[in-house]
């Protein structure tokens, strides 16, 4: 088997590429002669997206930042001029679920201090349900989560 590989390697070393035909060399020469104008157009077209990105960043930088939304929606009170003041409805968490949808054993790993450890990775979807006790309106919030555990192992 080793002898066959050595013979194949020797044969591959002896191979030489063919010279390009006259038509290919003429075509390459013609394209290179016309290239300066094309190169200029190429760089102009590639610079346009870059200029648009810079302009977008400048415009975004000048925009005021809106406050982040709260995690629990709250109804604002109605102004006194139009109706009696209503207390803001408050949503309260009523349930939480953790759904495991994938788990993988990544085997033994060696930690920086030389200790052997077992690594596992678990993927979950956490779902929290919020409810307004007054109106019984509810809202569900689902977030994916990956948990990686590294547990030291001792072989004795």
N, C-alpha and C. Protein backbone atom coordinates (compact mmCIF):
# COMPACT_ATOMS: atom_id res chain seq x y z
N UNK A 1 0.83 -1.19 0.00
CA UNK A 1 0.00 0.00 0.00
C UNK A 1 0.87 1.25 0.00
N UNK A 2 1.89 1.28 0.85
CA UNK A 2 2.77 2.43 0.94
C UNK A 2 3.53 2.62 -0.37
N UNK A 3 3.90 1.50 -1.01
CA UNK A 3 4.61 1.55 -2.28
C UNK A 3 3.72 2.18 -3.36
N UNK A 4 2.43 1.84 -3.37
CA UNK A 4 1.50 2.40 -4.36
C UNK A 4 1.38 3.92 -4.19
N UNK A 5 1.32 4.38 -2.95
CA UNK A 5 1.23 5.82 -2.69
C UNK A 5 2.48 6.54 -3.15
N UNK A 6 3.65 5.93 -2.94
CA UNK A 6 4.90 6.54 -3.38
C UNK A 6 4.96 6.62 -4.90
N UNK A 7 4.47 5.57 -5.59
CA UNK A 7 4.44 5.58 -7.05
C UNK A 7 3.50 6.68 -7.56
N UNK A 8 2.32 6.82 -6.92
CA UNK A 8 1.37 7.85 -7.32
C UNK A 8 1.97 9.24 -7.11
N UNK A 9 2.65 9.44 -5.98
CA UNK A 9 3.27 10.73 -5.70
C UNK A 9 4.34 11.05 -6.73
N UNK A 10 5.15 10.06 -7.11
CA UNK A 10 6.20 10.27 -8.12
C UNK A 10 5.59 10.61 -9.47
N UNK A 11 4.48 9.95 -9.83
CA UNK A 11 3.82 10.22 -11.11
C UNK A 11 3.23 11.64 -11.11
N UNK A 12 2.64 12.04 -9.98
CA UNK A 12 2.07 13.39 -9.90
C UNK A 12 3.16 14.46 -10.00
N UNK A 13 4.33 14.19 -9.45
CA UNK A 13 5.43 15.16 -9.54
C UNK A 13 5.92 15.33 -10.97
N UNK A 14 5.81 14.29 -11.78
CA UNK A 14 6.26 14.37 -13.18
C UNK A 14 5.28 15.14 -14.06
N UNK A 15 4.04 15.28 -13.66
CA UNK A 15 3.04 15.95 -14.48
C UNK A 15 3.32 17.44 -14.57
N UNK A 16 3.11 18.02 -15.73
CA UNK A 16 3.28 19.45 -15.96
C UNK A 16 2.02 19.97 -16.67
N UNK A 17 1.55 21.18 -16.31
CA UNK A 17 0.36 21.73 -16.97
C UNK A 17 0.66 22.08 -18.42
N UNK A 18 -0.38 22.01 -19.25
CA UNK A 18 -0.25 22.38 -20.65
C UNK A 18 -0.16 23.90 -20.76
N UNK A 19 0.51 24.38 -21.78
CA UNK A 19 0.58 25.81 -22.04
C UNK A 19 -0.78 26.27 -22.54
N UNK A 20 -1.22 27.50 -22.16
CA UNK A 20 -2.52 27.98 -22.63
C UNK A 20 -2.51 28.19 -24.14
N UNK A 21 -3.67 28.04 -24.74
CA UNK A 21 -3.76 28.20 -26.20
C UNK A 21 -3.59 29.67 -26.56
N UNK A 22 -3.34 29.92 -27.82
CA UNK A 22 -3.16 31.28 -28.31
C UNK A 22 -4.44 32.11 -28.10
N UNK A 23 -5.61 31.50 -28.28
CA UNK A 23 -6.88 32.21 -28.12
C UNK A 23 -7.05 32.68 -26.67
N UNK A 24 -6.65 31.85 -25.70
CA UNK A 24 -6.78 32.21 -24.29
C UNK A 24 -5.85 33.38 -23.97
N UNK A 25 -4.60 33.32 -24.42
CA UNK A 25 -3.66 34.40 -24.12
C UNK A 25 -4.10 35.70 -24.79
N UNK A 26 -4.64 35.63 -26.01
CA UNK A 26 -5.14 36.84 -26.67
C UNK A 26 -6.33 37.44 -25.92
N UNK A 27 -7.22 36.57 -25.45
CA UNK A 27 -8.40 37.04 -24.71
C UNK A 27 -7.97 37.72 -23.40
N UNK A 28 -7.01 37.13 -22.68
CA UNK A 28 -6.52 37.72 -21.43
C UNK A 28 -5.86 39.07 -21.70
N UNK A 29 -5.07 39.15 -22.77
CA UNK A 29 -4.41 40.41 -23.11
C UNK A 29 -5.43 41.48 -23.45
N UNK A 30 -6.48 41.11 -24.17
CA UNK A 30 -7.51 42.07 -24.54
C UNK A 30 -8.25 42.57 -23.29
N UNK A 31 -8.57 41.68 -22.35
CA UNK A 31 -9.26 42.07 -21.12
C UNK A 31 -8.38 42.95 -20.24
N UNK A 32 -7.09 42.67 -20.18
CA UNK A 32 -6.18 43.50 -19.38
C UNK A 32 -6.04 44.90 -19.98
N UNK A 33 -6.06 44.99 -21.31
CA UNK A 33 -5.95 46.29 -21.96
C UNK A 33 -7.18 47.15 -21.66
N UNK A 34 -8.35 46.52 -21.52
CA UNK A 34 -9.59 47.26 -21.25
C UNK A 34 -9.83 47.43 -19.76
N UNK A 35 -9.01 46.84 -18.92
CA UNK A 35 -9.26 46.79 -17.47
C UNK A 35 -9.19 48.13 -16.74
N UNK A 36 -8.34 49.11 -17.09
CA UNK A 36 -8.26 50.31 -16.27
C UNK A 36 -9.62 50.99 -16.06
N UNK A 37 -10.43 51.12 -17.08
CA UNK A 37 -11.74 51.73 -16.93
C UNK A 37 -12.65 50.87 -16.07
N UNK A 38 -12.57 49.55 -16.25
CA UNK A 38 -13.41 48.66 -15.46
C UNK A 38 -13.00 48.68 -14.00
N UNK A 39 -11.72 48.78 -13.74
CA UNK A 39 -11.26 48.83 -12.34
C UNK A 39 -11.79 50.08 -11.66
N UNK A 40 -11.76 51.20 -12.37
CA UNK A 40 -12.26 52.44 -11.79
C UNK A 40 -13.74 52.31 -11.46
N UNK A 41 -14.54 51.76 -12.38
CA UNK A 41 -15.97 51.56 -12.13
C UNK A 41 -16.19 50.59 -10.98
N UNK A 42 -15.37 49.54 -10.91
CA UNK A 42 -15.50 48.55 -9.84
C UNK A 42 -15.33 49.22 -8.49
N UNK A 43 -14.28 50.03 -8.33
CA UNK A 43 -14.04 50.68 -7.04
C UNK A 43 -15.11 51.70 -6.72
N UNK A 44 -15.65 52.36 -7.74
CA UNK A 44 -16.73 53.32 -7.49
C UNK A 44 -17.96 52.59 -6.98
N UNK A 45 -18.30 51.46 -7.57
CA UNK A 45 -19.48 50.72 -7.13
C UNK A 45 -19.27 50.07 -5.77
N UNK A 46 -18.06 49.68 -5.44
CA UNK A 46 -17.83 49.10 -4.11
C UNK A 46 -17.76 50.17 -3.04
N UNK A 47 -17.44 51.41 -3.41
CA UNK A 47 -17.37 52.48 -2.43
C UNK A 47 -18.76 53.00 -2.06
N UNK A 48 -19.76 52.84 -2.94
CA UNK A 48 -21.11 53.32 -2.64
C UNK A 48 -21.72 52.68 -1.39
N UNK A 49 -21.70 51.34 -1.24
CA UNK A 49 -22.26 50.77 -0.01
C UNK A 49 -21.51 51.22 1.24
N UNK A 50 -20.21 51.40 1.13
CA UNK A 50 -19.42 51.87 2.26
C UNK A 50 -19.85 53.29 2.65
N UNK A 51 -20.04 54.15 1.66
CA UNK A 51 -20.47 55.52 1.93
C UNK A 51 -21.88 55.53 2.54
N UNK A 52 -22.76 54.66 2.07
CA UNK A 52 -24.11 54.58 2.64
C UNK A 52 -24.06 54.11 4.09
N UNK A 53 -23.18 53.17 4.39
CA UNK A 53 -23.06 52.67 5.75
C UNK A 53 -22.56 53.78 6.68
N UNK A 54 -21.56 54.55 6.24
CA UNK A 54 -21.03 55.64 7.05
C UNK A 54 -22.11 56.69 7.29
N UNK A 55 -22.87 57.03 6.24
CA UNK A 55 -23.95 58.01 6.39
C UNK A 55 -25.01 57.50 7.36
N UNK A 56 -25.34 56.22 7.28
CA UNK A 56 -26.31 55.64 8.21
C UNK A 56 -25.83 55.69 9.64
N UNK A 57 -24.56 55.41 9.87
CA UNK A 57 -24.01 55.47 11.22
C UNK A 57 -24.04 56.88 11.77
N UNK A 58 -23.73 57.85 10.92
CA UNK A 58 -23.77 59.25 11.37
C UNK A 58 -25.20 59.64 11.74
N UNK A 59 -26.17 59.26 10.92
CA UNK A 59 -27.56 59.59 11.21
C UNK A 59 -28.05 58.89 12.47
N UNK A 60 -27.67 57.62 12.65
CA UNK A 60 -28.08 56.89 13.85
C UNK A 60 -27.47 57.50 15.11
N UNK A 61 -26.27 57.98 14.98
CA UNK A 61 -25.58 58.54 16.14
C UNK A 61 -26.26 59.83 16.61
N UNK A 62 -26.88 60.55 15.68
CA UNK A 62 -27.52 61.81 16.03
C UNK A 62 -28.93 61.62 16.55
N UNK A 63 -29.53 60.43 16.38
CA UNK A 63 -30.89 60.18 16.84
C UNK A 63 -30.90 60.00 18.35
N UNK A 64 -31.87 60.58 19.06
CA UNK A 64 -31.96 60.34 20.50
C UNK A 64 -32.35 58.89 20.75
N UNK A 65 -31.82 58.33 21.81
CA UNK A 65 -32.10 56.94 22.15
C UNK A 65 -33.40 56.88 22.93
N UNK A 66 -34.31 56.03 22.46
CA UNK A 66 -35.59 55.87 23.14
C UNK A 66 -35.39 55.02 24.38
N UNK A 67 -36.16 55.24 25.44
CA UNK A 67 -36.02 54.41 26.62
C UNK A 67 -36.40 52.98 26.33
N UNK A 68 -35.73 52.06 27.00
CA UNK A 68 -36.00 50.63 26.79
C UNK A 68 -37.37 50.29 27.33
N UNK A 69 -38.11 49.39 26.63
CA UNK A 69 -39.43 49.01 27.12
C UNK A 69 -39.30 48.18 28.40
N UNK A 70 -40.31 48.27 29.25
CA UNK A 70 -40.29 47.49 30.48
C UNK A 70 -40.65 46.05 30.16
N UNK A 71 -40.24 45.12 31.01
CA UNK A 71 -40.52 43.72 30.75
C UNK A 71 -41.98 43.37 31.00
N UNK A 72 -42.67 44.10 31.85
CA UNK A 72 -44.09 43.84 32.10
C UNK A 72 -44.90 45.04 31.62
N UNK A 73 -45.86 44.81 30.71
CA UNK A 73 -46.64 45.93 30.21
C UNK A 73 -47.51 46.52 31.32
N UNK A 74 -47.60 47.84 31.35
CA UNK A 74 -48.40 48.55 32.35
C UNK A 74 -49.29 49.53 31.60
N UNK A 75 -50.59 49.51 31.93
CA UNK A 75 -51.51 50.44 31.30
C UNK A 75 -51.41 51.79 31.99
N UNK A 76 -51.30 52.84 31.20
CA UNK A 76 -51.19 54.19 31.76
C UNK A 76 -52.56 54.67 32.24
N UNK A 77 -52.60 55.49 33.28
CA UNK A 77 -53.89 56.02 33.74
C UNK A 77 -54.50 56.95 32.69
N UNK A 78 -55.81 56.98 32.64
CA UNK A 78 -56.53 57.85 31.73
C UNK A 78 -56.53 59.26 32.34
N UNK A 79 -56.29 60.33 31.53
CA UNK A 79 -56.27 61.69 32.08
C UNK A 79 -57.60 62.04 32.75
N UNK A 80 -57.53 62.84 33.82
CA UNK A 80 -58.72 63.19 34.60
C UNK A 80 -59.72 64.00 33.78
N UNK A 81 -59.28 64.73 32.79
CA UNK A 81 -60.17 65.57 32.01
C UNK A 81 -61.15 64.74 31.19
N UNK A 82 -60.78 63.53 30.80
CA UNK A 82 -61.64 62.73 29.94
C UNK A 82 -62.40 61.66 30.69
N UNK A 83 -61.87 61.17 31.78
CA UNK A 83 -62.53 60.12 32.54
C UNK A 83 -61.92 60.06 33.92
N UNK A 84 -62.58 59.36 34.83
CA UNK A 84 -61.99 59.24 36.17
C UNK A 84 -60.65 58.52 36.09
N UNK A 85 -59.78 58.84 37.01
CA UNK A 85 -58.44 58.24 37.02
C UNK A 85 -58.57 56.76 37.36
N UNK A 86 -57.96 55.95 36.49
CA UNK A 86 -57.98 54.51 36.69
C UNK A 86 -56.58 54.07 37.07
N UNK A 87 -56.47 53.25 38.10
CA UNK A 87 -55.14 52.77 38.51
C UNK A 87 -54.54 51.93 37.39
N UNK A 88 -53.24 52.04 37.24
CA UNK A 88 -52.55 51.29 36.19
C UNK A 88 -52.71 49.80 36.45
N UNK A 89 -53.06 49.07 35.41
CA UNK A 89 -53.20 47.62 35.54
C UNK A 89 -51.82 47.01 35.69
N UNK A 90 -51.65 46.10 36.60
CA UNK A 90 -50.36 45.48 36.84
C UNK A 90 -50.44 44.01 36.49
N UNK A 91 -49.46 43.58 35.73
CA UNK A 91 -49.34 42.17 35.39
C UNK A 91 -48.43 41.51 36.40
N UNK A 92 -48.79 40.31 36.83
CA UNK A 92 -47.99 39.57 37.80
C UNK A 92 -47.64 38.22 37.22
N UNK A 93 -46.41 37.74 37.47
CA UNK A 93 -46.04 36.41 36.96
C UNK A 93 -46.86 35.34 37.68
N UNK A 94 -47.47 34.44 36.89
CA UNK A 94 -48.29 33.39 37.50
C UNK A 94 -47.74 32.00 37.26
N UNK A 95 -46.86 31.83 36.23
CA UNK A 95 -46.26 30.52 36.03
C UNK A 95 -44.96 30.66 35.25
N UNK A 96 -44.10 29.67 35.45
CA UNK A 96 -42.83 29.62 34.72
C UNK A 96 -42.57 28.18 34.34
N UNK A 97 -42.17 27.98 33.08
CA UNK A 97 -41.89 26.63 32.58
C UNK A 97 -40.49 26.61 31.97
N UNK A 98 -39.79 25.51 32.15
CA UNK A 98 -38.49 25.29 31.51
C UNK A 98 -38.61 24.02 30.69
N UNK A 99 -38.63 24.15 29.37
CA UNK A 99 -38.76 23.00 28.48
C UNK A 99 -37.39 22.63 27.93
N UNK A 100 -36.91 21.43 28.28
CA UNK A 100 -35.64 20.92 27.76
C UNK A 100 -35.90 20.31 26.40
N UNK A 101 -35.25 20.80 25.34
CA UNK A 101 -35.47 20.23 24.02
C UNK A 101 -34.23 19.59 23.42
N UNK A 102 -33.06 19.75 24.02
CA UNK A 102 -31.87 19.07 23.52
C UNK A 102 -30.83 18.98 24.63
N UNK A 103 -30.14 17.84 24.67
CA UNK A 103 -29.04 17.68 25.62
C UNK A 103 -27.97 16.86 24.92
N UNK A 104 -26.72 17.31 25.06
CA UNK A 104 -25.62 16.56 24.44
C UNK A 104 -24.49 16.38 25.43
N UNK A 105 -23.90 15.20 25.40
CA UNK A 105 -22.75 14.89 26.24
C UNK A 105 -21.52 15.13 25.37
N UNK A 106 -20.71 16.11 25.72
CA UNK A 106 -19.54 16.46 24.91
C UNK A 106 -18.29 15.74 25.36
N UNK A 107 -18.43 14.82 26.31
CA UNK A 107 -17.32 13.97 26.70
C UNK A 107 -16.36 14.63 27.68
N UNK A 108 -15.22 13.97 27.84
CA UNK A 108 -14.21 14.46 28.77
C UNK A 108 -13.41 15.61 28.16
N UNK A 109 -13.14 16.59 29.00
CA UNK A 109 -12.31 17.73 28.61
C UNK A 109 -11.27 17.93 29.70
N UNK A 110 -10.18 18.58 29.33
CA UNK A 110 -9.14 18.90 30.31
C UNK A 110 -9.21 20.39 30.60
N UNK A 111 -9.36 20.73 31.88
CA UNK A 111 -9.44 22.13 32.28
C UNK A 111 -8.05 22.75 32.27
N UNK A 112 -7.99 24.07 32.43
CA UNK A 112 -6.72 24.80 32.38
C UNK A 112 -5.74 24.32 33.44
N UNK A 113 -6.26 23.86 34.59
CA UNK A 113 -5.36 23.40 35.65
C UNK A 113 -4.99 21.93 35.51
N UNK A 114 -5.41 21.27 34.41
CA UNK A 114 -5.05 19.89 34.16
C UNK A 114 -6.06 18.89 34.69
N UNK A 115 -7.13 19.34 35.33
CA UNK A 115 -8.15 18.46 35.88
C UNK A 115 -9.05 17.95 34.76
N UNK A 116 -9.42 16.66 34.83
CA UNK A 116 -10.35 16.08 33.87
C UNK A 116 -11.77 16.44 34.30
N UNK A 117 -12.63 16.73 33.33
CA UNK A 117 -14.01 17.09 33.63
C UNK A 117 -14.92 16.59 32.53
N UNK A 118 -16.20 16.42 32.87
CA UNK A 118 -17.22 16.00 31.92
C UNK A 118 -18.04 17.22 31.53
N UNK A 119 -18.19 17.48 30.22
CA UNK A 119 -18.93 18.65 29.74
C UNK A 119 -20.25 18.19 29.12
N UNK A 120 -21.36 18.81 29.55
CA UNK A 120 -22.67 18.57 28.94
C UNK A 120 -23.28 19.92 28.56
N UNK A 121 -24.10 19.91 27.51
CA UNK A 121 -24.77 21.12 27.04
C UNK A 121 -26.26 20.82 26.94
N UNK A 122 -27.08 21.67 27.55
CA UNK A 122 -28.54 21.51 27.54
C UNK A 122 -29.17 22.76 26.95
N UNK A 123 -30.20 22.58 26.11
CA UNK A 123 -30.90 23.71 25.50
C UNK A 123 -32.34 23.70 25.99
N UNK A 124 -32.80 24.86 26.46
CA UNK A 124 -34.13 25.01 27.04
C UNK A 124 -34.87 26.15 26.35
N UNK A 125 -36.20 26.15 26.55
CA UNK A 125 -37.02 27.32 26.26
C UNK A 125 -37.72 27.64 27.58
N UNK A 126 -37.44 28.81 28.14
CA UNK A 126 -38.08 29.26 29.37
C UNK A 126 -39.29 30.11 29.00
N UNK A 127 -40.46 29.78 29.56
CA UNK A 127 -41.68 30.52 29.28
C UNK A 127 -42.27 31.02 30.59
N UNK A 128 -42.48 32.32 30.68
CA UNK A 128 -43.08 32.94 31.86
C UNK A 128 -44.43 33.52 31.44
N UNK A 129 -45.46 33.21 32.21
CA UNK A 129 -46.80 33.72 31.94
C UNK A 129 -47.13 34.81 32.96
N UNK A 130 -47.56 35.99 32.45
CA UNK A 130 -47.94 37.12 33.29
C UNK A 130 -49.45 37.30 33.16
N UNK A 131 -50.11 37.69 34.25
CA UNK A 131 -51.56 37.87 34.20
C UNK A 131 -51.96 39.13 34.96
N UNK A 132 -52.96 39.81 34.43
CA UNK A 132 -53.56 40.96 35.11
C UNK A 132 -54.72 40.43 35.94
N UNK A 133 -54.63 40.51 37.27
CA UNK A 133 -55.70 39.93 38.10
C UNK A 133 -57.05 40.63 37.91
N UNK A 134 -57.04 41.88 37.52
CA UNK A 134 -58.30 42.61 37.37
C UNK A 134 -59.02 42.23 36.08
N UNK A 135 -58.29 42.18 34.97
CA UNK A 135 -58.93 41.93 33.67
C UNK A 135 -58.74 40.49 33.19
N UNK A 136 -57.91 39.72 33.86
CA UNK A 136 -57.56 38.35 33.48
C UNK A 136 -56.83 38.28 32.13
N UNK A 137 -56.35 39.42 31.63
CA UNK A 137 -55.53 39.43 30.42
C UNK A 137 -54.19 38.78 30.76
N UNK A 138 -53.63 38.06 29.80
CA UNK A 138 -52.35 37.39 30.08
C UNK A 138 -51.38 37.61 28.94
N UNK A 139 -50.13 37.37 29.26
CA UNK A 139 -49.06 37.54 28.28
C UNK A 139 -48.01 36.47 28.57
N UNK A 140 -47.49 35.85 27.50
CA UNK A 140 -46.46 34.82 27.64
C UNK A 140 -45.17 35.35 27.05
N UNK A 141 -44.08 35.06 27.73
CA UNK A 141 -42.75 35.51 27.32
C UNK A 141 -41.87 34.28 27.26
N UNK A 142 -41.36 33.92 26.06
CA UNK A 142 -40.51 32.74 25.88
C UNK A 142 -39.11 33.16 25.46
N UNK A 143 -38.11 32.56 26.10
CA UNK A 143 -36.72 32.90 25.84
C UNK A 143 -35.91 31.60 25.72
N UNK A 144 -35.14 31.44 24.63
CA UNK A 144 -34.27 30.26 24.55
C UNK A 144 -33.06 30.43 25.45
N UNK A 145 -32.56 29.30 25.96
CA UNK A 145 -31.41 29.35 26.87
C UNK A 145 -30.57 28.10 26.67
N UNK A 146 -29.25 28.26 26.66
CA UNK A 146 -28.33 27.13 26.59
C UNK A 146 -27.51 27.10 27.87
N UNK A 147 -27.44 25.92 28.45
CA UNK A 147 -26.72 25.76 29.71
C UNK A 147 -25.58 24.76 29.49
N UNK A 148 -24.39 25.17 29.87
CA UNK A 148 -23.23 24.30 29.74
C UNK A 148 -22.71 23.98 31.12
N UNK A 149 -22.54 22.69 31.39
CA UNK A 149 -22.05 22.27 32.71
C UNK A 149 -20.72 21.54 32.53
N UNK A 150 -19.79 21.87 33.41
CA UNK A 150 -18.49 21.20 33.44
C UNK A 150 -18.31 20.66 34.85
N UNK A 151 -18.32 19.33 34.98
CA UNK A 151 -18.26 18.68 36.27
C UNK A 151 -16.92 17.96 36.39
N UNK A 152 -16.07 18.33 37.37
CA UNK A 152 -14.80 17.65 37.55
C UNK A 152 -14.99 16.16 37.83
N UNK A 153 -14.12 15.35 37.26
CA UNK A 153 -14.18 13.91 37.42
C UNK A 153 -12.87 13.43 38.01
N UNK A 154 -12.96 12.51 38.98
CA UNK A 154 -11.73 11.96 39.53
C UNK A 154 -11.73 10.46 39.29
N UNK A 155 -10.66 9.94 38.71
CA UNK A 155 -10.53 8.51 38.43
C UNK A 155 -9.65 7.89 39.51
N UNK A 156 -10.28 7.20 40.46
CA UNK A 156 -9.50 6.54 41.53
C UNK A 156 -10.01 5.18 41.80
